[in-house]
């Protein structure tokens, strides 16, 4: 549950930085991402909040034994674990937040890619994914503030000269 924590603030938290290979995303996807086509196809438009929620719901419906979609306090999130219906008291809880602001789409898109990666890895019985999901509950929260005045376009580089390289790289 996102709102309940028994002992107050976390005693220790760890940050993890994910860096994807810049060249050859198709070959990277085949080797490392279970050939997830959705993760390497060029985007013409980022998903809005409703589309993200629908994507998470579809993963829940496709595999209710490992994924559970939740909506609470205006947030939508997906919890993924091996046999998610069983108790999770003795598992690590991992929260992945895609970003704080709905107008900055890259983090939420990466959360969707991670959700598809975990789903595919479990489906294909990948030993690393199975170990993660047997020992933990991964909760994916795409975005905290979902307010977006206008839909984000892939061509929106936002006053950041490096963003052009990131978007088109």
N, C-alpha and C. Protein backbone atom coordinates (compact mmCIF):
# COMPACT_ATOMS: atom_id res chain seq x y z
N UNK A 1 0.85 -1.18 0.00
CA UNK A 1 0.00 0.00 0.00
C UNK A 1 0.89 1.24 0.00
N UNK A 2 0.65 2.16 -0.91
CA UNK A 2 1.50 3.33 -1.04
C UNK A 2 1.42 4.27 0.16
N UNK A 3 0.31 4.26 0.87
CA UNK A 3 0.11 5.24 1.92
C UNK A 3 0.47 4.73 3.32
N UNK A 4 0.79 3.47 3.48
CA UNK A 4 1.01 2.91 4.81
C UNK A 4 2.45 2.49 4.98
N UNK A 5 3.06 2.97 6.03
CA UNK A 5 4.40 2.53 6.37
C UNK A 5 4.46 2.41 7.88
N UNK A 6 4.74 1.25 8.36
CA UNK A 6 4.62 0.94 9.78
C UNK A 6 5.58 1.74 10.66
N UNK A 7 6.82 1.87 10.27
CA UNK A 7 7.83 2.46 11.16
C UNK A 7 8.26 3.86 10.73
N UNK A 8 7.41 4.61 10.09
CA UNK A 8 7.78 5.97 9.69
C UNK A 8 8.68 5.96 8.47
N UNK A 9 9.65 6.87 8.45
CA UNK A 9 10.54 7.01 7.30
C UNK A 9 11.42 5.78 7.12
N UNK A 10 11.79 5.52 5.88
CA UNK A 10 12.69 4.41 5.59
C UNK A 10 14.04 4.64 6.27
N UNK A 11 14.60 3.59 6.81
CA UNK A 11 15.90 3.68 7.46
C UNK A 11 17.01 3.91 6.42
N UNK A 12 16.89 3.23 5.30
CA UNK A 12 17.86 3.41 4.22
C UNK A 12 17.16 3.17 2.90
N UNK A 13 17.49 4.00 1.95
CA UNK A 13 16.92 3.85 0.61
C UNK A 13 18.07 3.85 -0.38
N UNK A 14 17.88 3.22 -1.49
CA UNK A 14 18.92 3.11 -2.49
C UNK A 14 18.42 3.67 -3.81
N UNK A 15 19.26 4.43 -4.48
CA UNK A 15 18.95 4.96 -5.80
C UNK A 15 19.63 4.07 -6.83
N UNK A 16 18.95 3.80 -7.92
CA UNK A 16 19.51 3.01 -9.00
C UNK A 16 19.35 3.81 -10.28
N UNK A 17 20.41 3.91 -11.05
CA UNK A 17 20.36 4.63 -12.31
C UNK A 17 20.40 3.62 -13.45
N UNK A 18 19.39 3.64 -14.33
CA UNK A 18 19.34 2.75 -15.47
C UNK A 18 19.80 3.51 -16.71
N UNK A 19 20.80 3.00 -17.38
CA UNK A 19 21.29 3.61 -18.61
C UNK A 19 21.15 2.59 -19.72
N UNK A 20 20.43 2.97 -20.76
CA UNK A 20 20.23 2.06 -21.88
C UNK A 20 21.26 2.33 -22.96
N UNK A 21 21.58 1.31 -23.73
CA UNK A 21 22.53 1.43 -24.82
C UNK A 21 21.98 2.39 -25.86
N UNK A 22 22.81 3.32 -26.30
CA UNK A 22 22.36 4.34 -27.25
C UNK A 22 22.30 3.79 -28.67
N UNK A 23 23.25 2.99 -29.09
CA UNK A 23 23.29 2.48 -30.47
C UNK A 23 22.62 1.12 -30.55
N UNK A 24 21.94 0.88 -31.65
CA UNK A 24 21.36 -0.43 -31.91
C UNK A 24 20.29 -0.87 -30.94
N UNK A 25 19.22 -0.08 -30.76
CA UNK A 25 18.21 -0.48 -29.77
C UNK A 25 17.52 -1.79 -30.10
N UNK A 26 17.40 -2.11 -31.38
CA UNK A 26 16.73 -3.36 -31.75
C UNK A 26 17.55 -4.56 -31.29
N UNK A 27 18.85 -4.53 -31.54
CA UNK A 27 19.69 -5.66 -31.12
C UNK A 27 19.76 -5.73 -29.59
N UNK A 28 19.80 -4.56 -28.94
CA UNK A 28 19.78 -4.54 -27.48
C UNK A 28 18.50 -5.18 -26.96
N UNK A 29 17.38 -4.85 -27.59
CA UNK A 29 16.09 -5.38 -27.14
C UNK A 29 16.03 -6.90 -27.31
N UNK A 30 16.53 -7.40 -28.41
CA UNK A 30 16.51 -8.84 -28.64
C UNK A 30 17.35 -9.55 -27.58
N UNK A 31 18.53 -9.00 -27.28
CA UNK A 31 19.44 -9.64 -26.34
C UNK A 31 19.05 -9.46 -24.87
N UNK A 32 18.50 -8.30 -24.52
CA UNK A 32 18.33 -7.96 -23.11
C UNK A 32 16.91 -7.66 -22.66
N UNK A 33 16.00 -7.49 -23.58
CA UNK A 33 14.65 -7.06 -23.21
C UNK A 33 13.59 -8.00 -23.78
N UNK A 34 13.93 -9.25 -23.98
CA UNK A 34 12.99 -10.27 -24.44
C UNK A 34 12.31 -9.85 -25.74
N UNK A 35 13.03 -9.10 -26.58
CA UNK A 35 12.55 -8.65 -27.89
C UNK A 35 11.21 -7.90 -27.78
N UNK A 36 11.12 -7.00 -26.83
CA UNK A 36 9.91 -6.20 -26.63
C UNK A 36 9.81 -5.13 -27.71
N UNK A 37 8.97 -5.37 -28.70
CA UNK A 37 8.84 -4.44 -29.82
C UNK A 37 8.39 -3.06 -29.37
N UNK A 38 7.50 -2.99 -28.38
CA UNK A 38 6.99 -1.70 -27.92
C UNK A 38 8.09 -0.83 -27.32
N UNK A 39 9.16 -1.44 -26.87
CA UNK A 39 10.22 -0.69 -26.21
C UNK A 39 11.21 -0.06 -27.18
N UNK A 40 11.22 -0.48 -28.43
CA UNK A 40 12.20 0.07 -29.37
C UNK A 40 11.56 0.76 -30.57
N UNK A 41 10.28 0.58 -30.79
CA UNK A 41 9.63 1.28 -31.89
C UNK A 41 9.65 2.78 -31.63
N UNK A 42 9.90 3.58 -32.67
CA UNK A 42 9.91 5.03 -32.46
C UNK A 42 8.55 5.54 -32.01
N UNK A 43 8.57 6.46 -31.06
CA UNK A 43 7.34 7.07 -30.58
C UNK A 43 6.97 8.24 -31.48
N UNK A 44 5.70 8.34 -31.80
CA UNK A 44 5.21 9.50 -32.53
C UNK A 44 4.55 10.47 -31.57
N UNK A 45 4.15 9.95 -30.43
CA UNK A 45 3.51 10.78 -29.42
C UNK A 45 3.59 10.04 -28.09
N UNK A 46 3.89 10.75 -27.02
CA UNK A 46 3.91 10.11 -25.71
C UNK A 46 2.49 9.81 -25.26
N UNK A 47 2.36 8.81 -24.42
CA UNK A 47 1.05 8.44 -23.90
C UNK A 47 0.59 9.45 -22.86
N UNK A 48 -0.72 9.72 -22.86
CA UNK A 48 -1.26 10.58 -21.82
C UNK A 48 -1.60 9.72 -20.60
N UNK A 49 -2.10 10.34 -19.55
CA UNK A 49 -2.35 9.64 -18.29
C UNK A 49 -3.36 8.51 -18.44
N UNK A 50 -4.44 8.75 -19.19
CA UNK A 50 -5.45 7.71 -19.39
C UNK A 50 -4.89 6.52 -20.17
N UNK A 51 -4.05 6.78 -21.16
CA UNK A 51 -3.44 5.70 -21.93
C UNK A 51 -2.46 4.89 -21.08
N UNK A 52 -1.75 5.57 -20.21
CA UNK A 52 -0.84 4.86 -19.31
C UNK A 52 -1.63 3.96 -18.37
N UNK A 53 -2.72 4.48 -17.81
CA UNK A 53 -3.56 3.66 -16.93
C UNK A 53 -4.10 2.45 -17.67
N UNK A 54 -4.51 2.64 -18.92
CA UNK A 54 -5.03 1.52 -19.71
C UNK A 54 -3.95 0.47 -19.97
N UNK A 55 -2.73 0.91 -20.23
CA UNK A 55 -1.62 -0.02 -20.42
C UNK A 55 -1.39 -0.86 -19.17
N UNK A 56 -1.42 -0.23 -18.01
CA UNK A 56 -1.23 -0.96 -16.75
C UNK A 56 -2.39 -1.92 -16.49
N UNK A 57 -3.61 -1.50 -16.80
CA UNK A 57 -4.78 -2.38 -16.64
C UNK A 57 -4.65 -3.62 -17.52
N UNK A 58 -4.18 -3.43 -18.75
CA UNK A 58 -4.03 -4.56 -19.68
C UNK A 58 -3.02 -5.57 -19.15
N UNK A 59 -1.95 -5.11 -18.54
CA UNK A 59 -0.98 -6.04 -17.95
C UNK A 59 -1.60 -6.82 -16.81
N UNK A 60 -2.43 -6.16 -16.02
CA UNK A 60 -3.14 -6.84 -14.92
C UNK A 60 -4.06 -7.91 -15.46
N UNK A 61 -4.83 -7.57 -16.48
CA UNK A 61 -5.78 -8.53 -17.06
C UNK A 61 -5.04 -9.69 -17.73
N UNK A 62 -3.93 -9.39 -18.40
CA UNK A 62 -3.18 -10.43 -19.11
C UNK A 62 -2.52 -11.42 -18.16
N UNK A 63 -2.19 -10.98 -16.97
CA UNK A 63 -1.51 -11.87 -16.03
C UNK A 63 -1.86 -11.53 -14.59
N UNK A 64 -3.09 -11.86 -14.17
CA UNK A 64 -3.52 -11.50 -12.82
C UNK A 64 -2.75 -12.22 -11.71
N UNK A 65 -2.02 -13.28 -12.05
CA UNK A 65 -1.26 -13.98 -11.01
C UNK A 65 0.02 -13.24 -10.61
N UNK A 66 0.53 -12.35 -11.49
CA UNK A 66 1.74 -11.61 -11.11
C UNK A 66 1.53 -10.10 -11.04
N UNK A 67 0.49 -9.58 -11.66
CA UNK A 67 0.30 -8.13 -11.71
C UNK A 67 -1.02 -7.74 -11.08
N UNK A 68 -1.00 -6.65 -10.35
CA UNK A 68 -2.23 -6.12 -9.77
C UNK A 68 -2.27 -4.61 -10.00
N UNK A 69 -3.30 -4.16 -10.74
CA UNK A 69 -3.49 -2.73 -11.01
C UNK A 69 -4.27 -2.11 -9.85
N UNK A 70 -3.85 -0.94 -9.42
CA UNK A 70 -4.52 -0.23 -8.33
C UNK A 70 -4.73 1.22 -8.70
N UNK A 71 -5.80 1.77 -8.21
CA UNK A 71 -6.06 3.20 -8.30
C UNK A 71 -6.43 3.68 -6.92
N UNK A 72 -5.69 4.66 -6.43
CA UNK A 72 -5.97 5.17 -5.09
C UNK A 72 -5.52 6.63 -5.02
N UNK A 73 -6.38 7.47 -4.46
CA UNK A 73 -6.08 8.89 -4.27
C UNK A 73 -5.68 9.58 -5.58
N UNK A 74 -6.26 9.14 -6.69
CA UNK A 74 -5.96 9.74 -7.99
C UNK A 74 -4.72 9.19 -8.66
N UNK A 75 -4.02 8.28 -8.02
CA UNK A 75 -2.83 7.66 -8.61
C UNK A 75 -3.21 6.31 -9.17
N UNK A 76 -2.56 5.93 -10.24
CA UNK A 76 -2.69 4.56 -10.72
C UNK A 76 -1.29 3.94 -10.72
N UNK A 77 -1.24 2.69 -10.29
CA UNK A 77 0.04 2.02 -10.19
C UNK A 77 -0.16 0.52 -10.33
N UNK A 78 0.93 -0.16 -10.62
CA UNK A 78 0.90 -1.59 -10.86
C UNK A 78 1.90 -2.25 -9.91
N UNK A 79 1.45 -3.28 -9.21
CA UNK A 79 2.34 -4.07 -8.37
C UNK A 79 2.59 -5.39 -9.08
N UNK A 80 3.85 -5.77 -9.18
CA UNK A 80 4.24 -7.01 -9.86
C UNK A 80 5.05 -7.85 -8.89
N UNK A 81 4.66 -9.13 -8.76
CA UNK A 81 5.38 -10.06 -7.90
C UNK A 81 4.98 -11.47 -8.31
N UNK A 82 5.80 -12.43 -7.98
CA UNK A 82 5.44 -13.82 -8.23
C UNK A 82 4.26 -14.17 -7.32
N UNK A 83 3.18 -14.59 -7.90
CA UNK A 83 1.94 -14.93 -7.20
C UNK A 83 1.52 -13.78 -6.28
N UNK A 84 1.15 -12.67 -6.91
CA UNK A 84 0.83 -11.43 -6.21
C UNK A 84 -0.36 -11.58 -5.27
N UNK A 85 -1.18 -12.62 -5.43
CA UNK A 85 -2.35 -12.79 -4.57
C UNK A 85 -1.97 -13.33 -3.18
N UNK A 86 -0.78 -13.92 -3.04
CA UNK A 86 -0.35 -14.43 -1.74
C UNK A 86 0.17 -13.29 -0.87
N UNK A 87 0.35 -13.57 0.38
CA UNK A 87 0.88 -12.56 1.28
C UNK A 87 2.27 -12.11 0.87
N UNK A 88 2.58 -10.86 1.15
CA UNK A 88 3.86 -10.31 0.74
C UNK A 88 4.67 -9.81 1.94
N UNK A 89 4.33 -10.31 3.12
CA UNK A 89 4.98 -9.82 4.33
C UNK A 89 6.48 -10.04 4.35
N UNK A 90 6.95 -11.11 3.73
CA UNK A 90 8.36 -11.46 3.80
C UNK A 90 9.10 -11.13 2.51
N UNK A 91 8.58 -10.20 1.74
CA UNK A 91 9.23 -9.80 0.50
C UNK A 91 9.73 -8.36 0.61
N UNK A 92 10.76 -8.07 -0.17
CA UNK A 92 11.23 -6.69 -0.28
C UNK A 92 10.18 -5.90 -1.04
N UNK A 93 9.99 -4.66 -0.68
CA UNK A 93 9.08 -3.77 -1.40
C UNK A 93 9.90 -2.74 -2.15
N UNK A 94 9.74 -2.72 -3.47
CA UNK A 94 10.48 -1.80 -4.33
C UNK A 94 9.47 -0.87 -4.98
N UNK A 95 9.66 0.43 -4.81
CA UNK A 95 8.79 1.42 -5.44
C UNK A 95 9.60 2.12 -6.52
N UNK A 96 9.09 2.07 -7.76
CA UNK A 96 9.73 2.75 -8.88
C UNK A 96 8.80 3.89 -9.29
N UNK A 97 9.27 5.12 -9.15
CA UNK A 97 8.49 6.30 -9.52
C UNK A 97 9.06 6.84 -10.82
N UNK A 98 8.20 6.94 -11.83
CA UNK A 98 8.64 7.41 -13.14
C UNK A 98 9.01 8.87 -13.17
N UNK A 99 8.31 9.67 -12.42
CA UNK A 99 8.61 11.10 -12.40
C UNK A 99 7.61 11.85 -11.55
N UNK A 100 7.94 13.08 -11.25
CA UNK A 100 7.04 13.88 -10.43
C UNK A 100 5.98 14.58 -11.25
N UNK A 101 6.31 14.98 -12.48
CA UNK A 101 5.42 15.84 -13.24
C UNK A 101 4.93 15.17 -14.52
N UNK A 102 3.63 15.28 -14.77
CA UNK A 102 3.05 14.69 -15.96
C UNK A 102 3.52 15.33 -17.25
N UNK A 103 4.06 16.54 -17.17
CA UNK A 103 4.53 17.22 -18.38
C UNK A 103 5.94 16.78 -18.77
N UNK A 104 6.55 15.90 -17.99
CA UNK A 104 7.87 15.37 -18.31
C UNK A 104 7.76 13.85 -18.49
N UNK A 105 7.57 13.40 -19.72
CA UNK A 105 7.13 12.03 -19.98
C UNK A 105 8.19 10.94 -19.97
N UNK A 106 9.46 11.26 -19.99
CA UNK A 106 10.45 10.19 -20.18
C UNK A 106 10.44 9.17 -19.04
N UNK A 107 10.30 9.60 -17.81
CA UNK A 107 10.28 8.67 -16.68
C UNK A 107 9.10 7.73 -16.71
N UNK A 108 7.93 8.26 -17.01
CA UNK A 108 6.74 7.40 -17.04
C UNK A 108 6.82 6.40 -18.18
N UNK A 109 7.42 6.79 -19.31
CA UNK A 109 7.59 5.85 -20.41
C UNK A 109 8.54 4.73 -20.01
N UNK A 110 9.59 5.05 -19.26
CA UNK A 110 10.52 4.01 -18.80
C UNK A 110 9.85 3.06 -17.81
N UNK A 111 8.94 3.58 -16.98
CA UNK A 111 8.20 2.71 -16.07
C UNK A 111 7.35 1.72 -16.85
N UNK A 112 6.72 2.18 -17.94
CA UNK A 112 5.94 1.26 -18.77
C UNK A 112 6.83 0.20 -19.39
N UNK A 113 8.00 0.61 -19.85
CA UNK A 113 8.93 -0.37 -20.43
C UNK A 113 9.38 -1.38 -19.37
N UNK A 114 9.64 -0.91 -18.17
CA UNK A 114 10.02 -1.83 -17.09
C UNK A 114 8.88 -2.79 -16.77
N UNK A 115 7.65 -2.32 -16.77
CA UNK A 115 6.52 -3.21 -16.49
C UNK A 115 6.41 -4.30 -17.55
N UNK A 116 6.58 -3.92 -18.82
CA UNK A 116 6.54 -4.92 -19.90
C UNK A 116 7.72 -5.89 -19.79
N UNK A 117 8.88 -5.38 -19.39
CA UNK A 117 10.07 -6.21 -19.25
C UNK A 117 9.87 -7.27 -18.16
N UNK A 118 9.37 -6.85 -17.01
CA UNK A 118 9.12 -7.80 -15.92
C UNK A 118 8.06 -8.82 -16.30
N UNK A 119 7.00 -8.36 -16.96
CA UNK A 119 5.93 -9.26 -17.40
C UNK A 119 6.49 -10.30 -18.38
N UNK A 120 7.22 -9.84 -19.40
CA UNK A 120 7.75 -10.76 -20.40
C UNK A 120 8.76 -11.73 -19.78
N UNK A 121 9.62 -11.22 -18.90
CA UNK A 121 10.60 -12.08 -18.24
C UNK A 121 9.96 -13.17 -17.41
N UNK A 122 8.89 -12.83 -16.72
CA UNK A 122 8.17 -13.84 -15.93
C UNK A 122 7.51 -14.85 -16.86
N UNK A 123 6.88 -14.36 -17.92
CA UNK A 123 6.20 -15.24 -18.87
C UNK A 123 7.19 -16.22 -19.52
N UNK A 124 8.40 -15.74 -19.83
CA UNK A 124 9.41 -16.57 -20.48
C UNK A 124 10.28 -17.34 -19.48
N UNK A 125 9.95 -17.23 -18.17
CA UNK A 125 10.66 -17.95 -17.11
C UNK A 125 12.14 -17.59 -17.04
N UNK A 126 12.46 -16.31 -17.27
CA UNK A 126 13.83 -15.85 -17.14
C UNK A 126 14.25 -15.98 -15.67
N UNK A 127 15.37 -16.67 -15.38
CA UNK A 127 15.74 -16.91 -13.98
C UNK A 127 15.98 -15.63 -13.18
N UNK A 128 16.55 -14.60 -13.78
CA UNK A 128 16.79 -13.35 -13.05
C UNK A 128 15.49 -12.65 -12.69
N UNK A 129 14.56 -12.60 -13.63
CA UNK A 129 13.26 -11.96 -13.36
C UNK A 129 12.49 -12.78 -12.33
N UNK A 130 12.51 -14.10 -12.46
CA UNK A 130 11.81 -14.95 -11.49
C UNK A 130 12.36 -14.73 -10.08
N UNK A 131 13.67 -14.62 -9.94
CA UNK A 131 14.27 -14.39 -8.63
C UNK A 131 13.82 -13.05 -8.05
N UNK A 132 13.84 -12.01 -8.87
CA UNK A 132 13.40 -10.69 -8.40
C UNK A 132 11.95 -10.76 -7.93
N UNK A 133 11.09 -11.36 -8.74
CA UNK A 133 9.66 -11.36 -8.43
C UNK A 133 9.29 -12.33 -7.30
N UNK A 134 10.09 -13.37 -7.09
CA UNK A 134 9.84 -14.26 -5.96
C UNK A 134 10.25 -13.64 -4.63
N UNK A 135 11.22 -12.73 -4.69
CA UNK A 135 11.74 -12.14 -3.46
C UNK A 135 11.22 -10.73 -3.17
N UNK A 136 10.49 -10.15 -4.11
CA UNK A 136 10.08 -8.76 -3.91
C UNK A 136 8.74 -8.46 -4.57
N UNK A 137 8.19 -7.34 -4.18
CA UNK A 137 7.02 -6.77 -4.83
C UNK A 137 7.49 -5.46 -5.45
N UNK A 138 7.41 -5.36 -6.77
CA UNK A 138 7.82 -4.16 -7.48
C UNK A 138 6.57 -3.35 -7.78
N UNK A 139 6.47 -2.17 -7.19
CA UNK A 139 5.33 -1.30 -7.43
C UNK A 139 5.78 -0.18 -8.35
N UNK A 140 5.06 -0.04 -9.46
CA UNK A 140 5.42 0.92 -10.49
C UNK A 140 4.41 2.06 -10.50
N UNK A 141 4.86 3.25 -10.16
CA UNK A 141 4.04 4.45 -10.14
C UNK A 141 4.57 5.36 -11.26
N UNK A 142 3.84 5.46 -12.38
CA UNK A 142 4.36 6.21 -13.53
C UNK A 142 4.62 7.69 -13.25
N UNK A 143 3.72 8.35 -12.53
CA UNK A 143 3.87 9.78 -12.33
C UNK A 143 3.11 10.20 -11.08
N UNK A 144 3.63 11.18 -10.37
CA UNK A 144 2.98 11.66 -9.15
C UNK A 144 1.95 12.74 -9.47
N UNK A 145 2.35 13.78 -10.17
CA UNK A 145 1.44 14.86 -10.55
C UNK A 145 1.00 14.63 -11.98
N UNK A 146 -0.22 14.15 -12.16
CA UNK A 146 -0.68 13.74 -13.50
C UNK A 146 -1.18 14.90 -14.34
N UNK A 147 -1.20 16.12 -13.82
CA UNK A 147 -1.75 17.25 -14.57
C UNK A 147 -0.85 17.59 -15.75
N UNK A 148 -1.43 17.55 -16.93
CA UNK A 148 -0.72 17.91 -18.16
C UNK A 148 -1.63 18.88 -18.92
N UNK A 149 -1.16 20.12 -19.13
CA UNK A 149 -1.98 21.08 -19.86
C UNK A 149 -2.16 20.66 -21.31
N UNK A 150 -1.08 20.27 -21.95
CA UNK A 150 -1.15 19.82 -23.32
C UNK A 150 -0.41 18.51 -23.41
N UNK A 151 -0.83 17.71 -24.36
CA UNK A 151 -0.20 16.41 -24.52
C UNK A 151 1.24 16.59 -24.99
N UNK A 152 2.16 15.87 -24.39
CA UNK A 152 3.57 15.99 -24.74
C UNK A 152 3.82 15.38 -26.11
N UNK A 153 4.57 16.07 -26.91
CA UNK A 153 4.94 15.59 -28.23
C UNK A 153 6.41 15.16 -28.19
N UNK A 154 6.75 14.20 -29.01
CA UNK A 154 8.14 13.75 -29.06
C UNK A 154 9.05 14.89 -29.50
N UNK A 155 8.54 15.81 -30.30
CA UNK A 155 9.37 16.91 -30.80
C UNK A 155 9.54 18.03 -29.80
N UNK A 156 8.90 17.96 -28.65
CA UNK A 156 9.03 18.99 -27.61
C UNK A 156 10.34 18.79 -26.88
N UNK A 157 11.34 19.66 -27.13
CA UNK A 157 12.65 19.46 -26.51
C UNK A 157 12.85 20.34 -25.29
N UNK A 158 11.87 21.14 -24.94
CA UNK A 158 11.81 21.85 -23.67
C UNK A 158 13.01 22.73 -23.34
N UNK A 159 13.55 23.52 -24.06
CA UNK A 159 14.65 24.43 -23.70
C UNK A 159 15.92 23.70 -23.25
N UNK A 160 16.04 22.44 -23.53
CA UNK A 160 17.23 21.69 -23.14
C UNK A 160 17.96 21.29 -24.42
N UNK A 161 19.13 21.87 -24.70
CA UNK A 161 19.82 21.55 -25.95
C UNK A 161 20.22 20.09 -26.05
N UNK A 162 20.42 19.41 -24.91
CA UNK A 162 20.78 17.99 -24.96
C UNK A 162 19.59 17.10 -25.24
N UNK A 163 18.38 17.61 -25.01
CA UNK A 163 17.18 16.79 -25.20
C UNK A 163 17.03 16.37 -26.65
N UNK A 164 17.46 17.20 -27.58
CA UNK A 164 17.35 16.83 -28.99
C UNK A 164 18.12 15.55 -29.26
N UNK A 165 19.32 15.44 -28.70
CA UNK A 165 20.12 14.21 -28.86
C UNK A 165 19.46 13.03 -28.17
N UNK A 166 18.88 13.26 -27.01
CA UNK A 166 18.26 12.18 -26.26
C UNK A 166 17.04 11.65 -27.01
N UNK A 167 16.20 12.56 -27.50
CA UNK A 167 14.96 12.17 -28.18
C UNK A 167 15.25 11.48 -29.50
N UNK A 168 16.21 12.00 -30.26
CA UNK A 168 16.48 11.46 -31.59
C UNK A 168 17.62 10.47 -31.62
N UNK A 169 18.19 10.16 -30.45
CA UNK A 169 19.36 9.29 -30.40
C UNK A 169 19.00 7.88 -30.42
